[in-house]
C-alpha atoms as a PDB file:
ATOM      1  CA  MET A   1       0.000   0.000   0.000  1.00  0.00           C
ATOM      2  CA  LEU A   2       2.760   2.465   0.930  1.00  0.00           C
ATOM      3  CA  CYS A   3       4.725   1.778  -2.233  1.00  0.00           C
ATOM      4  CA  GLY A   4       1.530   2.217  -4.219  1.00  0.00           C
ATOM      5  CA  LEU A   5       0.968   5.619  -2.622  1.00  0.00           C
ATOM      6  CA  GLY A   6       4.571   6.589  -3.368  1.00  0.00           C
ATOM      7  CA  THR A   7       4.140   5.466  -6.973  1.00  0.00           C
ATOM      8  CA  LEU A   8       0.996   7.574  -7.283  1.00  0.00           C
ATOM      9  CA  TYR A   9       2.811  10.678  -6.027  1.00  0.00           C
ATOM     10  CA  LEU A  10       5.768   9.984  -8.297  1.00  0.00           C
ATOM     11  CA  ARG A  11       3.542   9.537 -11.345  1.00  0.00           C
ATOM     12  CA  ASN A  12       1.865  12.836 -10.488  1.00  0.00           C
ATOM     13  CA  ASP A  13       5.260  14.566 -10.528  1.00  0.00           C
ATOM     14  CA  ASP A  14       5.474  14.999  -6.754  1.00  0.00           C
ATOM     15  CA  PRO A  15       8.676  13.176  -5.746  1.00  0.00           C
ATOM     16  CA  ARG A  16       8.900  15.000  -2.397  1.00  0.00           C
ATOM     17  CA  ARG A  17       5.605  13.476  -1.279  1.00  0.00           C
ATOM     18  CA  ALA A  18       6.553  10.111  -2.820  1.00  0.00           C
ATOM     19  CA  LEU A  19       9.739   9.686  -0.795  1.00  0.00           C
ATOM     20  CA  GLY A  20       8.109   9.253   2.633  1.00  0.00           C
ATOM     21  CA  PRO A  21       5.748   6.400   1.709  1.00  0.00           C
ATOM     22  CA  ILE A  22       8.471   4.648  -0.302  1.00  0.00           C
ATOM     23  CA  GLU A  23      10.924   4.837   2.614  1.00  0.00           C
ATOM     24  CA  GLU A  24       8.231   3.507   4.957  1.00  0.00           C
ATOM     25  CA  CYS A  25       7.546   0.678   2.520  1.00  0.00           C
ATOM     26  CA  LEU A  26      11.243  -0.221   2.539  1.00  0.00           C
ATOM     27  CA  ARG A  27      11.395  -0.131   6.343  1.00  0.00           C
ATOM     28  CA  ALA A  28       8.442  -2.515   6.461  1.00  0.00           C
ATOM     29  CA  ASN A  29       9.849  -4.898   3.835  1.00  0.00           C
ATOM     30  CA  GLU A  30      13.122  -4.110   2.106  1.00  0.00           C
ATOM     31  CA  THR A  31      12.603  -6.929  -0.382  1.00  0.00           C
ATOM     32  CA  TYR A  32       9.240  -5.630  -1.644  1.00  0.00           C
ATOM     33  CA  MET A  33       9.197  -5.956  -5.438  1.00  0.00           C
ATOM     34  CA  ASP A  34      10.293  -2.721  -7.154  1.00  0.00           C
ATOM     35  CA  ALA A  35      10.552  -0.697  -3.918  1.00  0.00           C
ATOM     36  CA  TRP A  36      14.254   0.018  -4.388  1.00  0.00           C
ATOM     37  CA  PHE A  37      13.627   0.931  -8.021  1.00  0.00           C
ATOM     38  CA  LEU A  38      10.973   3.435  -6.904  1.00  0.00           C
ATOM     39  CA  TYR A  39      13.413   4.757  -4.306  1.00  0.00           C
ATOM     40  CA  GLY A  40      15.975   5.265  -7.075  1.00  0.00           C
ATOM     41  CA  GLN A  41      13.500   6.997  -9.364  1.00  0.00           C
ATOM     42  CA  THR A  42      12.273   9.268  -6.584  1.00  0.00           C
ATOM     43  CA  ASN A  43      15.754  10.308  -5.543  1.00  0.00           C
ATOM     44  CA  GLU A  44      16.761  10.849  -9.152  1.00  0.00           C
ATOM     45  CA  ALA A  45      13.748  13.154  -9.583  1.00  0.00           C
ATOM     46  CA  LEU A  46      14.796  14.998  -6.412  1.00  0.00           C
ATOM     47  CA  GLY A  47      18.335  15.391  -7.753  1.00  0.00           C
ATOM     48  CA  ASP A  48      20.021  13.101  -5.206  1.00  0.00           C
ATOM     49  CA  LEU A  49      21.948  11.007  -7.699  1.00  0.00           C
ATOM     50  CA  ASP A  50      24.001   9.132  -5.087  1.00  0.00           C
ATOM     51  CA  ARG A  51      20.856   7.819  -3.396  1.00  0.00           C
ATOM     52  CA  ALA A  52      19.307   7.119  -6.798  1.00  0.00           C
ATOM     53  CA  ARG A  53      22.296   4.948  -7.730  1.00  0.00           C
ATOM     54  CA  MET A  54      22.091   3.154  -4.386  1.00  0.00           C
ATOM     55  CA  GLY A  55      18.389   2.430  -4.951  1.00  0.00           C
ATOM     56  CA  TYR A  56      18.964   1.038  -8.435  1.00  0.00           C
ATOM     57  CA  ARG A  57      21.879  -1.095  -7.210  1.00  0.00           C
ATOM     58  CA  LYS A  58      19.819  -2.494  -4.332  1.00  0.00           C
ATOM     59  CA  GLN A  59      17.001  -3.301  -6.762  1.00  0.00           C
ATOM     60  CA  LEU A  60      19.492  -5.243  -8.883  1.00  0.00           C
ATOM     61  CA  GLU A  61      20.683  -7.162  -5.801  1.00  0.00           C
ATOM     62  CA  PHE A  62      17.136  -8.414  -5.226  1.00  0.00           C
ATOM     63  CA  VAL A  63      16.093  -8.698  -8.878  1.00  0.00           C
ATOM     64  CA  PRO A  64      19.242  -9.009 -11.055  1.00  0.00           C
ATOM     65  CA  GLU A  65      17.206  -9.133 -14.266  1.00  0.00           C
ATOM     66  CA  HIS A  66      15.437  -5.797 -13.563  1.00  0.00           C
ATOM     67  CA  GLN A  67      16.165  -4.111 -16.901  1.00  0.00           C
ATOM     68  CA  PHE A  68      14.738  -0.693 -16.002  1.00  0.00           C
ATOM     69  CA  ALA A  69      16.949  -0.436 -12.903  1.00  0.00           C
ATOM     70  CA  ARG A  70      19.951  -1.456 -14.997  1.00  0.00           C
ATOM     71  CA  MET A  71      19.092   1.127 -17.665  1.00  0.00           C
ATOM     72  CA  CYS A  72      18.552   3.932 -15.125  1.00  0.00           C
ATOM     73  CA  LEU A  73      21.814   3.107 -13.382  1.00  0.00           C
ATOM     74  CA  ARG A  74      23.666   3.140 -16.689  1.00  0.00           C
ATOM     75  CA  ASN A  75      22.124   6.528 -17.553  1.00  0.00           C
ATOM     76  CA  LEU A  76      23.359   7.960 -14.245  1.00  0.00           C
ATOM     77  CA  GLU A  77      26.949   6.790 -14.692  1.00  0.00           C
ATOM     78  CA  PRO A  78      28.181   9.927 -16.498  1.00  0.00           C
ATOM     79  CA  ARG A  79      26.534  12.178 -13.884  1.00  0.00           C
ATOM     80  CA  GLN A  80      27.954  12.591 -10.387  1.00  0.00           C
ATOM     81  CA  GLY A  81      26.708  13.526  -6.925  1.00  0.00           C
ATOM     82  CA  ARG A  82      23.751  15.748  -6.252  1.00  0.00           C
ATOM     83  CA  ARG A  83      22.196  18.177  -8.641  1.00  0.00           C
ATOM     84  CA  THR A  84      22.099  21.749  -7.455  1.00  0.00           C
ATOM     85  CA  PRO A  85      18.531  22.930  -6.889  1.00  0.00           C
END
């Protein structure tokens, strides 16, 4: 439910509101399908590229064949650190 709420906020272009429910989802069950991917997407949207990379990498630990996480991680490779607001 929490990840679903986070996804809804993220899809409505509100990553700040998405982060809380997604983090709560991860605290409740860190192996929840796609939760780390959502965490990566949310942090990427917020400009925190280090946390985005960590989320995508964790997703790949749990689901090595997750192609979207792999693609997003690859797209972040040339970029470093945090984006300036």
